């Protein structure tokens, strides 16, 4: 990719969407990206009907929006599913410091993959105790029974900001 600021526009092979998104999200110089991907993938990455872990992990640095639906009959050769325009825009001011990116991404991963009933139950398992977890979700404006996919970027950032620092795994 170019080292100067640029825009990425592409028709992504549907079976390579996640791999291409990962590469793109790690690339430093682009400001906006418009990608034609599967309709359901575009919806999920944009947080419609619930966000994916990947979206939640990158939200503080990028906005993910749904640009529209492209009917399969408009494409040649016609795929089996409709396409969707996924628009990614780099935030001018990140919601989490770039120096905290890996710690934030690990926090989101842990919340998405840990067992528990709702975000409060998951956090209780992560940070040690239901009282602390309930206090944390209340400060972040999150319902205790909410699922990780249902949180907004603001709620993720608030949970991360208020969570006690975790010890490194050995």
N, C-alpha and C. Protein backbone atom coordinates (compact mmCIF):
# COMPACT_ATOMS: atom_id res chain seq x y z
N UNK A 1 0.85 -1.19 0.00
CA UNK A 1 0.00 0.00 0.00
C UNK A 1 0.89 1.25 0.00
N UNK A 2 0.36 2.33 -0.54
CA UNK A 2 1.15 3.57 -0.55
C UNK A 2 1.45 4.03 0.88
N UNK A 3 2.53 4.77 1.02
CA UNK A 3 2.90 5.29 2.34
C UNK A 3 2.30 6.65 2.60
N UNK A 4 1.68 7.25 1.57
CA UNK A 4 1.02 8.55 1.73
C UNK A 4 -0.48 8.31 1.88
N UNK A 5 -1.17 9.33 2.38
CA UNK A 5 -2.61 9.19 2.60
C UNK A 5 -3.31 8.85 1.28
N UNK A 6 -4.26 7.90 1.36
CA UNK A 6 -4.98 7.47 0.17
C UNK A 6 -6.33 6.88 0.57
N UNK A 7 -7.16 6.63 -0.43
CA UNK A 7 -8.46 6.00 -0.27
C UNK A 7 -8.39 4.64 -0.93
N UNK A 8 -8.99 3.65 -0.30
CA UNK A 8 -9.02 2.30 -0.85
C UNK A 8 -10.44 2.01 -1.31
N UNK A 9 -10.59 1.57 -2.55
CA UNK A 9 -11.88 1.18 -3.10
C UNK A 9 -11.69 -0.19 -3.73
N UNK A 10 -12.57 -1.13 -3.42
CA UNK A 10 -12.39 -2.45 -4.00
C UNK A 10 -13.61 -3.33 -3.92
N UNK A 11 -13.63 -4.27 -4.86
CA UNK A 11 -14.60 -5.35 -4.89
C UNK A 11 -13.88 -6.56 -4.32
N UNK A 12 -14.13 -6.86 -3.08
CA UNK A 12 -13.39 -7.88 -2.36
C UNK A 12 -13.95 -9.27 -2.68
N UNK A 13 -13.08 -10.21 -3.05
CA UNK A 13 -13.57 -11.59 -3.20
C UNK A 13 -14.22 -12.03 -1.88
N UNK A 14 -15.46 -12.47 -1.96
CA UNK A 14 -16.22 -12.73 -0.75
C UNK A 14 -15.51 -13.69 0.21
N UNK A 15 -14.81 -14.67 -0.30
CA UNK A 15 -14.15 -15.65 0.57
C UNK A 15 -12.87 -15.10 1.22
N UNK A 16 -12.43 -13.92 0.82
CA UNK A 16 -11.21 -13.32 1.38
C UNK A 16 -11.49 -12.07 2.21
N UNK A 17 -12.74 -11.78 2.49
CA UNK A 17 -13.10 -10.53 3.15
C UNK A 17 -12.37 -10.33 4.47
N UNK A 18 -12.40 -11.30 5.35
CA UNK A 18 -11.80 -11.12 6.68
C UNK A 18 -10.29 -10.92 6.57
N UNK A 19 -9.63 -11.70 5.75
CA UNK A 19 -8.18 -11.56 5.60
C UNK A 19 -7.81 -10.19 5.04
N UNK A 20 -8.56 -9.72 4.06
CA UNK A 20 -8.28 -8.41 3.47
C UNK A 20 -8.57 -7.30 4.47
N UNK A 21 -9.66 -7.42 5.21
CA UNK A 21 -9.97 -6.42 6.23
C UNK A 21 -8.86 -6.35 7.29
N UNK A 22 -8.37 -7.49 7.72
CA UNK A 22 -7.28 -7.48 8.72
C UNK A 22 -6.06 -6.74 8.19
N UNK A 23 -5.69 -7.04 6.95
CA UNK A 23 -4.53 -6.37 6.36
C UNK A 23 -4.78 -4.87 6.25
N UNK A 24 -5.95 -4.50 5.82
CA UNK A 24 -6.31 -3.10 5.66
C UNK A 24 -6.29 -2.36 7.00
N UNK A 25 -6.87 -2.96 8.03
CA UNK A 25 -6.94 -2.30 9.33
C UNK A 25 -5.55 -2.08 9.95
N UNK A 26 -4.61 -2.90 9.60
CA UNK A 26 -3.25 -2.73 10.11
C UNK A 26 -2.42 -1.76 9.27
N UNK A 27 -2.90 -1.42 8.08
CA UNK A 27 -2.15 -0.51 7.21
C UNK A 27 -2.31 0.93 7.70
N UNK A 28 -1.24 1.72 7.72
CA UNK A 28 -1.27 3.02 8.39
C UNK A 28 -1.75 4.22 7.58
N UNK A 29 -1.74 4.22 6.28
CA UNK A 29 -1.84 5.48 5.55
C UNK A 29 -3.19 5.80 4.92
N UNK A 30 -4.11 4.88 4.85
CA UNK A 30 -5.38 5.18 4.20
C UNK A 30 -6.31 5.94 5.14
N UNK A 31 -7.16 6.77 4.54
CA UNK A 31 -8.10 7.57 5.34
C UNK A 31 -9.53 7.04 5.25
N UNK A 32 -9.86 6.44 4.11
CA UNK A 32 -11.21 5.93 3.90
C UNK A 32 -11.12 4.72 2.99
N UNK A 33 -12.05 3.79 3.20
CA UNK A 33 -12.09 2.59 2.39
C UNK A 33 -13.55 2.28 2.07
N UNK A 34 -13.81 1.99 0.82
CA UNK A 34 -15.15 1.58 0.38
C UNK A 34 -14.99 0.22 -0.27
N UNK A 35 -15.58 -0.80 0.34
CA UNK A 35 -15.41 -2.17 -0.12
C UNK A 35 -16.75 -2.81 -0.43
N UNK A 36 -16.81 -3.51 -1.56
CA UNK A 36 -17.98 -4.32 -1.88
C UNK A 36 -17.73 -5.71 -1.31
N UNK A 37 -18.55 -6.08 -0.35
CA UNK A 37 -18.44 -7.38 0.33
C UNK A 37 -19.83 -8.01 0.37
N UNK A 38 -19.95 -9.20 0.92
CA UNK A 38 -21.27 -9.82 1.07
C UNK A 38 -22.17 -8.92 1.93
N UNK A 39 -23.44 -8.85 1.58
CA UNK A 39 -24.40 -8.01 2.27
C UNK A 39 -24.40 -8.27 3.78
N UNK A 40 -24.50 -9.51 4.18
CA UNK A 40 -24.55 -9.80 5.62
C UNK A 40 -23.24 -9.45 6.32
N UNK A 41 -22.13 -9.62 5.65
CA UNK A 41 -20.84 -9.24 6.22
C UNK A 41 -20.78 -7.73 6.41
N UNK A 42 -21.22 -6.98 5.40
CA UNK A 42 -21.24 -5.52 5.50
C UNK A 42 -22.12 -5.07 6.67
N UNK A 43 -23.28 -5.69 6.82
CA UNK A 43 -24.19 -5.34 7.92
C UNK A 43 -23.54 -5.61 9.27
N UNK A 44 -22.94 -6.79 9.42
CA UNK A 44 -22.35 -7.15 10.71
C UNK A 44 -21.14 -6.27 11.05
N UNK A 45 -20.28 -6.04 10.06
CA UNK A 45 -19.10 -5.21 10.30
C UNK A 45 -19.51 -3.78 10.64
N UNK A 46 -20.64 -3.33 10.07
CA UNK A 46 -21.13 -1.98 10.37
C UNK A 46 -21.93 -1.96 11.67
N UNK A 47 -22.08 -3.09 12.33
CA UNK A 47 -22.77 -3.14 13.61
C UNK A 47 -24.27 -3.21 13.52
N UNK A 48 -24.82 -3.48 12.34
CA UNK A 48 -26.28 -3.60 12.18
C UNK A 48 -26.69 -4.98 12.69
N UNK A 49 -27.54 -5.02 13.71
CA UNK A 49 -27.96 -6.29 14.28
C UNK A 49 -26.92 -6.91 15.20
N UNK A 50 -25.92 -6.15 15.58
CA UNK A 50 -24.88 -6.64 16.47
C UNK A 50 -23.53 -6.60 15.79
N UNK A 51 -22.54 -6.15 16.50
CA UNK A 51 -21.19 -6.01 15.95
C UNK A 51 -20.41 -7.30 16.08
N UNK A 52 -19.42 -7.45 15.24
CA UNK A 52 -18.50 -8.57 15.35
C UNK A 52 -17.36 -8.20 16.30
N UNK A 53 -16.62 -9.20 16.72
CA UNK A 53 -15.47 -8.93 17.58
C UNK A 53 -14.46 -8.06 16.84
N UNK A 54 -14.24 -8.32 15.54
CA UNK A 54 -13.28 -7.52 14.79
C UNK A 54 -13.70 -6.05 14.77
N UNK A 55 -14.97 -5.79 14.54
CA UNK A 55 -15.44 -4.40 14.52
C UNK A 55 -15.20 -3.76 15.88
N UNK A 56 -15.59 -4.43 16.94
CA UNK A 56 -15.43 -3.87 18.29
C UNK A 56 -13.95 -3.62 18.60
N UNK A 57 -13.07 -4.49 18.11
CA UNK A 57 -11.64 -4.32 18.38
C UNK A 57 -11.04 -3.11 17.67
N UNK A 58 -11.63 -2.69 16.58
CA UNK A 58 -11.07 -1.58 15.79
C UNK A 58 -11.89 -0.30 15.86
N UNK A 59 -13.07 -0.31 16.44
CA UNK A 59 -13.95 0.86 16.51
C UNK A 59 -13.29 2.12 17.04
N UNK A 60 -12.45 2.06 18.05
CA UNK A 60 -11.88 3.32 18.54
C UNK A 60 -11.04 4.07 17.51
N UNK A 61 -10.60 3.39 16.48
CA UNK A 61 -9.74 4.01 15.47
C UNK A 61 -10.43 4.18 14.12
N UNK A 62 -11.54 3.46 13.90
CA UNK A 62 -12.24 3.50 12.61
C UNK A 62 -13.75 3.50 12.82
N UNK A 63 -14.43 4.21 11.95
CA UNK A 63 -15.90 4.13 11.89
C UNK A 63 -16.24 3.12 10.80
N UNK A 64 -17.18 2.24 11.08
CA UNK A 64 -17.65 1.24 10.12
C UNK A 64 -19.11 1.60 9.80
N UNK A 65 -19.40 1.89 8.55
CA UNK A 65 -20.77 2.23 8.17
C UNK A 65 -21.21 1.41 6.96
N UNK A 66 -22.49 1.28 6.84
CA UNK A 66 -23.09 0.54 5.73
C UNK A 66 -23.46 1.54 4.64
N UNK A 67 -22.83 1.40 3.48
CA UNK A 67 -23.05 2.34 2.38
C UNK A 67 -24.25 2.00 1.51
N UNK A 68 -24.71 0.79 1.54
CA UNK A 68 -25.87 0.40 0.75
C UNK A 68 -25.77 -1.05 0.29
N UNK A 69 -26.86 -1.50 -0.28
CA UNK A 69 -26.98 -2.88 -0.76
C UNK A 69 -26.80 -2.90 -2.27
N UNK A 70 -26.12 -3.91 -2.77
CA UNK A 70 -25.93 -4.10 -4.21
C UNK A 70 -26.56 -5.44 -4.56
N UNK A 71 -27.67 -5.43 -5.32
CA UNK A 71 -28.32 -6.70 -5.64
C UNK A 71 -27.40 -7.60 -6.47
N UNK A 72 -27.46 -8.89 -6.22
CA UNK A 72 -26.59 -9.84 -6.92
C UNK A 72 -26.75 -9.77 -8.42
N UNK A 73 -27.95 -9.43 -8.90
CA UNK A 73 -28.19 -9.36 -10.34
C UNK A 73 -27.43 -8.19 -11.00
N UNK A 74 -26.91 -7.25 -10.17
CA UNK A 74 -26.15 -6.12 -10.71
C UNK A 74 -24.67 -6.49 -10.93
N UNK A 75 -24.28 -7.67 -10.47
CA UNK A 75 -22.87 -8.09 -10.56
C UNK A 75 -22.70 -9.16 -11.62
N UNK A 76 -21.53 -9.17 -12.27
CA UNK A 76 -21.19 -10.18 -13.27
C UNK A 76 -19.84 -10.77 -12.95
N UNK A 77 -19.70 -12.05 -12.84
CA UNK A 77 -20.80 -13.00 -12.78
C UNK A 77 -21.58 -12.82 -11.49
N UNK A 78 -22.84 -13.14 -11.54
CA UNK A 78 -23.73 -12.94 -10.38
C UNK A 78 -23.39 -13.95 -9.28
N UNK A 79 -23.07 -13.44 -8.08
CA UNK A 79 -22.84 -14.36 -6.95
C UNK A 79 -24.18 -14.90 -6.44
N UNK A 80 -24.11 -15.76 -5.44
CA UNK A 80 -25.33 -16.34 -4.86
C UNK A 80 -26.00 -15.42 -3.86
N UNK A 81 -25.31 -14.36 -3.43
CA UNK A 81 -25.83 -13.46 -2.41
C UNK A 81 -25.65 -12.02 -2.86
N UNK A 82 -26.43 -11.12 -2.26
CA UNK A 82 -26.28 -9.70 -2.54
C UNK A 82 -24.98 -9.18 -1.94
N UNK A 83 -24.50 -8.09 -2.51
CA UNK A 83 -23.33 -7.42 -1.98
C UNK A 83 -23.74 -6.23 -1.13
N UNK A 84 -22.79 -5.71 -0.40
CA UNK A 84 -23.02 -4.53 0.42
C UNK A 84 -21.78 -3.66 0.41
N UNK A 85 -22.00 -2.36 0.45
CA UNK A 85 -20.86 -1.44 0.52
C UNK A 85 -20.53 -1.17 1.98
N UNK A 86 -19.35 -1.57 2.35
CA UNK A 86 -18.84 -1.34 3.69
C UNK A 86 -17.88 -0.17 3.61
N UNK A 87 -18.17 0.88 4.37
CA UNK A 87 -17.33 2.08 4.36
C UNK A 87 -16.60 2.16 5.70
N UNK A 88 -15.28 2.24 5.62
CA UNK A 88 -14.45 2.40 6.80
C UNK A 88 -13.78 3.76 6.72
N UNK A 89 -13.87 4.51 7.80
CA UNK A 89 -13.26 5.84 7.85
C UNK A 89 -12.37 5.92 9.08
N UNK A 90 -11.14 6.31 8.87
CA UNK A 90 -10.21 6.47 10.00
C UNK A 90 -10.65 7.68 10.82
N UNK A 91 -10.78 7.50 12.12
CA UNK A 91 -11.18 8.61 12.99
C UNK A 91 -10.03 9.62 13.06
N UNK A 92 -10.35 10.93 12.94
CA UNK A 92 -9.29 11.93 13.06
C UNK A 92 -8.66 11.93 14.45
N UNK A 93 -9.46 11.66 15.45
CA UNK A 93 -8.97 11.54 16.84
C UNK A 93 -9.44 10.19 17.38
N UNK A 94 -8.52 9.27 17.62
CA UNK A 94 -8.92 7.96 18.14
C UNK A 94 -9.59 8.08 19.51
N UNK A 95 -10.48 7.15 19.80
CA UNK A 95 -11.19 7.14 21.08
C UNK A 95 -10.37 6.45 22.17
N UNK A 96 -9.35 5.70 21.75
CA UNK A 96 -8.40 5.06 22.66
C UNK A 96 -7.01 5.38 22.12
N UNK A 97 -6.10 5.68 23.01
CA UNK A 97 -4.73 6.03 22.59
C UNK A 97 -4.11 4.89 21.78
N UNK A 98 -3.42 5.21 20.71
CA UNK A 98 -2.76 4.17 19.91
C UNK A 98 -1.83 3.28 20.74
N UNK A 99 -1.25 3.81 21.79
CA UNK A 99 -0.35 3.02 22.64
C UNK A 99 -1.11 1.94 23.42
N UNK A 100 -2.43 2.10 23.53
CA UNK A 100 -3.26 1.11 24.24
C UNK A 100 -3.98 0.15 23.29
N UNK A 101 -3.65 0.23 21.99
CA UNK A 101 -4.39 -0.56 21.00
C UNK A 101 -4.36 -2.06 21.31
N UNK A 102 -3.21 -2.63 21.56
CA UNK A 102 -3.14 -4.07 21.80
C UNK A 102 -3.85 -4.47 23.08
N UNK A 103 -3.70 -3.67 24.11
CA UNK A 103 -4.39 -3.96 25.38
C UNK A 103 -5.90 -3.87 25.21
N UNK A 104 -6.37 -2.86 24.47
CA UNK A 104 -7.80 -2.70 24.21
C UNK A 104 -8.31 -3.89 23.38
N UNK A 105 -7.60 -4.24 22.32
CA UNK A 105 -8.04 -5.35 21.46
C UNK A 105 -8.09 -6.66 22.24
N UNK A 106 -7.14 -6.86 23.15
CA UNK A 106 -7.15 -8.07 23.98
C UNK A 106 -8.34 -8.04 24.94
N UNK A 107 -8.64 -6.87 25.50
CA UNK A 107 -9.80 -6.73 26.39
C UNK A 107 -11.08 -7.12 25.65
N UNK A 108 -11.28 -6.61 24.44
CA UNK A 108 -12.47 -6.93 23.65
C UNK A 108 -12.50 -8.43 23.36
N UNK A 109 -11.37 -8.98 22.97
CA UNK A 109 -11.30 -10.42 22.69
C UNK A 109 -11.71 -11.22 23.92
N UNK A 110 -11.18 -10.85 25.07
CA UNK A 110 -11.49 -11.57 26.30
C UNK A 110 -12.98 -11.49 26.64
N UNK A 111 -13.58 -10.33 26.46
CA UNK A 111 -15.01 -10.19 26.76
C UNK A 111 -15.84 -11.01 25.77
N UNK A 112 -15.49 -10.99 24.51
CA UNK A 112 -16.25 -11.76 23.51
C UNK A 112 -16.12 -13.27 23.72
N UNK A 113 -15.00 -13.73 24.22
CA UNK A 113 -14.75 -15.17 24.26
C UNK A 113 -14.90 -15.81 25.64
N UNK A 114 -14.99 -15.01 26.68
CA UNK A 114 -15.11 -15.54 28.04
C UNK A 114 -16.55 -15.95 28.31
N UNK A 115 -16.72 -16.95 29.16
CA UNK A 115 -18.06 -17.41 29.53
C UNK A 115 -18.66 -16.49 30.58
N UNK A 116 -19.98 -16.43 30.58
CA UNK A 116 -20.70 -15.64 31.56
C UNK A 116 -22.04 -15.24 30.99
N UNK A 117 -22.96 -14.88 31.87
CA UNK A 117 -24.30 -14.47 31.46
C UNK A 117 -24.33 -12.95 31.36
N UNK A 118 -24.30 -12.45 30.14
CA UNK A 118 -24.29 -11.01 29.94
C UNK A 118 -22.91 -10.42 30.23
N UNK A 119 -22.76 -9.15 29.87
CA UNK A 119 -21.46 -8.49 30.03
C UNK A 119 -21.04 -8.46 31.50
N UNK A 120 -21.98 -8.25 32.41
CA UNK A 120 -21.61 -8.22 33.84
C UNK A 120 -21.05 -9.57 34.28
N UNK A 121 -21.69 -10.65 33.88
CA UNK A 121 -21.20 -11.99 34.24
C UNK A 121 -19.85 -12.29 33.63
N UNK A 122 -19.67 -11.87 32.38
CA UNK A 122 -18.38 -12.08 31.70
C UNK A 122 -17.29 -11.30 32.43
N UNK A 123 -17.58 -10.02 32.72
CA UNK A 123 -16.58 -9.20 33.40
C UNK A 123 -16.28 -9.72 34.81
N UNK A 124 -17.29 -10.25 35.48
CA UNK A 124 -17.05 -10.82 36.81
C UNK A 124 -16.01 -11.93 36.73
N UNK A 125 -16.09 -12.74 35.68
CA UNK A 125 -15.09 -13.80 35.49
C UNK A 125 -13.73 -13.24 35.11
N UNK A 126 -13.71 -12.11 34.41
CA UNK A 126 -12.45 -11.52 33.95
C UNK A 126 -11.72 -10.73 35.03
N UNK A 127 -12.48 -9.91 35.77
CA UNK A 127 -11.82 -8.98 36.69
C UNK A 127 -11.99 -9.36 38.16
N UNK A 128 -12.74 -10.44 38.39
CA UNK A 128 -12.80 -10.95 39.75
C UNK A 128 -13.86 -10.33 40.62
N UNK A 129 -15.09 -10.69 40.40
CA UNK A 129 -16.14 -10.29 41.31
C UNK A 129 -17.30 -9.58 40.65
N UNK A 130 -18.50 -10.02 41.04
CA UNK A 130 -19.72 -9.47 40.45
C UNK A 130 -19.97 -8.04 40.90
N UNK A 131 -19.63 -7.68 42.12
CA UNK A 131 -19.85 -6.30 42.58
C UNK A 131 -19.06 -5.31 41.73
N UNK A 132 -17.80 -5.61 41.49
CA UNK A 132 -16.96 -4.75 40.66
C UNK A 132 -17.48 -4.72 39.22
N UNK A 133 -17.90 -5.86 38.71
CA UNK A 133 -18.43 -5.93 37.35
C UNK A 133 -19.71 -5.11 37.21
N UNK A 134 -20.60 -5.22 38.18
CA UNK A 134 -21.86 -4.43 38.11
C UNK A 134 -21.57 -2.93 38.17
N UNK A 135 -20.63 -2.54 39.00
CA UNK A 135 -20.24 -1.14 39.08
C UNK A 135 -19.66 -0.66 37.75
N UNK A 136 -18.83 -1.48 37.15
CA UNK A 136 -18.20 -1.14 35.88
C UNK A 136 -19.23 -0.97 34.76
N UNK A 137 -20.16 -1.90 34.64
CA UNK A 137 -21.16 -1.79 33.57
C UNK A 137 -22.09 -0.61 33.82
N UNK A 138 -22.39 -0.33 35.07
CA UNK A 138 -23.25 0.83 35.38
C UNK A 138 -22.56 2.13 34.96
N UNK A 139 -21.27 2.27 35.29
CA UNK A 139 -20.53 3.48 34.89
C UNK A 139 -20.42 3.62 33.38
N UNK A 140 -20.41 2.49 32.67
CA UNK A 140 -20.28 2.51 31.21
C UNK A 140 -21.62 2.63 30.50
N UNK A 141 -22.72 2.62 31.28
CA UNK A 141 -24.04 2.71 30.67
C UNK A 141 -24.46 1.46 29.93
N UNK A 142 -24.03 0.30 30.43
CA UNK A 142 -24.31 -0.98 29.80
C UNK A 142 -25.27 -1.77 30.68
N UNK A 143 -26.27 -2.38 30.06
CA UNK A 143 -27.16 -3.28 30.80
C UNK A 143 -26.35 -4.50 31.24
N UNK A 144 -26.50 -4.97 32.45
CA UNK A 144 -25.72 -6.13 32.90
C UNK A 144 -25.92 -7.37 32.04
N UNK A 145 -27.13 -7.53 31.47
CA UNK A 145 -27.41 -8.73 30.66
C UNK A 145 -27.12 -8.53 29.17
N UNK A 146 -26.59 -7.37 28.79
CA UNK A 146 -26.27 -7.12 27.38
C UNK A 146 -25.20 -8.10 26.91
N UNK A 147 -25.25 -8.43 25.64
CA UNK A 147 -24.23 -9.29 25.04
C UNK A 147 -23.13 -8.42 24.43
N UNK A 148 -21.91 -8.92 24.33
CA UNK A 148 -20.82 -8.12 23.76
C UNK A 148 -21.15 -7.55 22.38
N UNK A 149 -21.85 -8.29 21.55
CA UNK A 149 -22.18 -7.83 20.20
C UNK A 149 -23.11 -6.62 20.20
N UNK A 150 -23.80 -6.38 21.30
CA UNK A 150 -24.79 -5.31 21.36
C UNK A 150 -24.24 -3.99 21.89
N UNK A 151 -22.98 -3.95 22.30
CA UNK A 151 -22.40 -2.73 22.85
C UNK A 151 -22.04 -1.75 21.74
N UNK A 152 -22.11 -0.48 22.06
CA UNK A 152 -21.68 0.57 21.14
C UNK A 152 -20.19 0.83 21.34
N UNK A 153 -19.60 1.57 20.43
CA UNK A 153 -18.18 1.91 20.58
C UNK A 153 -17.96 2.70 21.87
N UNK A 154 -18.87 3.61 22.18
CA UNK A 154 -18.73 4.42 23.40
C UNK A 154 -18.76 3.53 24.64
N UNK A 155 -19.62 2.51 24.65
CA UNK A 155 -19.69 1.61 25.79
C UNK A 155 -18.43 0.76 25.91
N UNK A 156 -17.91 0.28 24.79
CA UNK A 156 -16.65 -0.47 24.82
C UNK A 156 -15.53 0.37 25.41
N UNK A 157 -15.42 1.61 24.94
CA UNK A 157 -14.35 2.50 25.40
C UNK A 157 -14.52 2.78 26.89
N UNK A 158 -15.75 3.01 27.33
CA UNK A 158 -15.99 3.28 28.75
C UNK A 158 -15.64 2.06 29.61
N UNK A 159 -16.02 0.87 29.16
CA UNK A 159 -15.65 -0.34 29.91
C UNK A 159 -14.14 -0.47 30.02
N UNK A 160 -13.46 -0.26 28.90
CA UNK A 160 -12.00 -0.35 28.88
C UNK A 160 -11.37 0.69 29.80
N UNK A 161 -11.87 1.92 29.72
CA UNK A 161 -11.31 3.01 30.52
C UNK A 161 -11.48 2.77 32.02
N UNK A 162 -12.59 2.15 32.42
CA UNK A 162 -12.89 1.97 33.84
C UNK A 162 -12.44 0.62 34.40
N UNK A 163 -12.11 -0.31 33.51
CA UNK A 163 -11.71 -1.64 34.00
C UNK A 163 -10.37 -1.55 34.70
N UNK A 164 -10.20 -2.29 35.78
CA UNK A 164 -8.91 -2.29 36.44
C UNK A 164 -7.87 -2.93 35.53
N UNK A 165 -6.63 -2.48 35.60
CA UNK A 165 -5.58 -3.09 34.77
C UNK A 165 -5.46 -4.57 35.10
N UNK A 166 -5.29 -5.36 34.06
CA UNK A 166 -5.18 -6.82 34.26
C UNK A 166 -3.72 -7.21 34.29
N UNK A 167 -3.44 -8.20 35.08
CA UNK A 167 -2.09 -8.73 35.12
C UNK A 167 -1.79 -9.48 33.83
N UNK A 168 -0.56 -9.42 33.40
CA UNK A 168 -0.16 -10.14 32.19
C UNK A 168 -0.21 -11.65 32.48
N UNK A 169 -0.62 -12.38 31.44
CA UNK A 169 -0.61 -13.85 31.57
C UNK A 169 0.82 -14.34 31.55
N UNK A 170 1.07 -15.39 32.29
CA UNK A 170 2.42 -15.98 32.31
C UNK A 170 2.49 -17.15 31.39
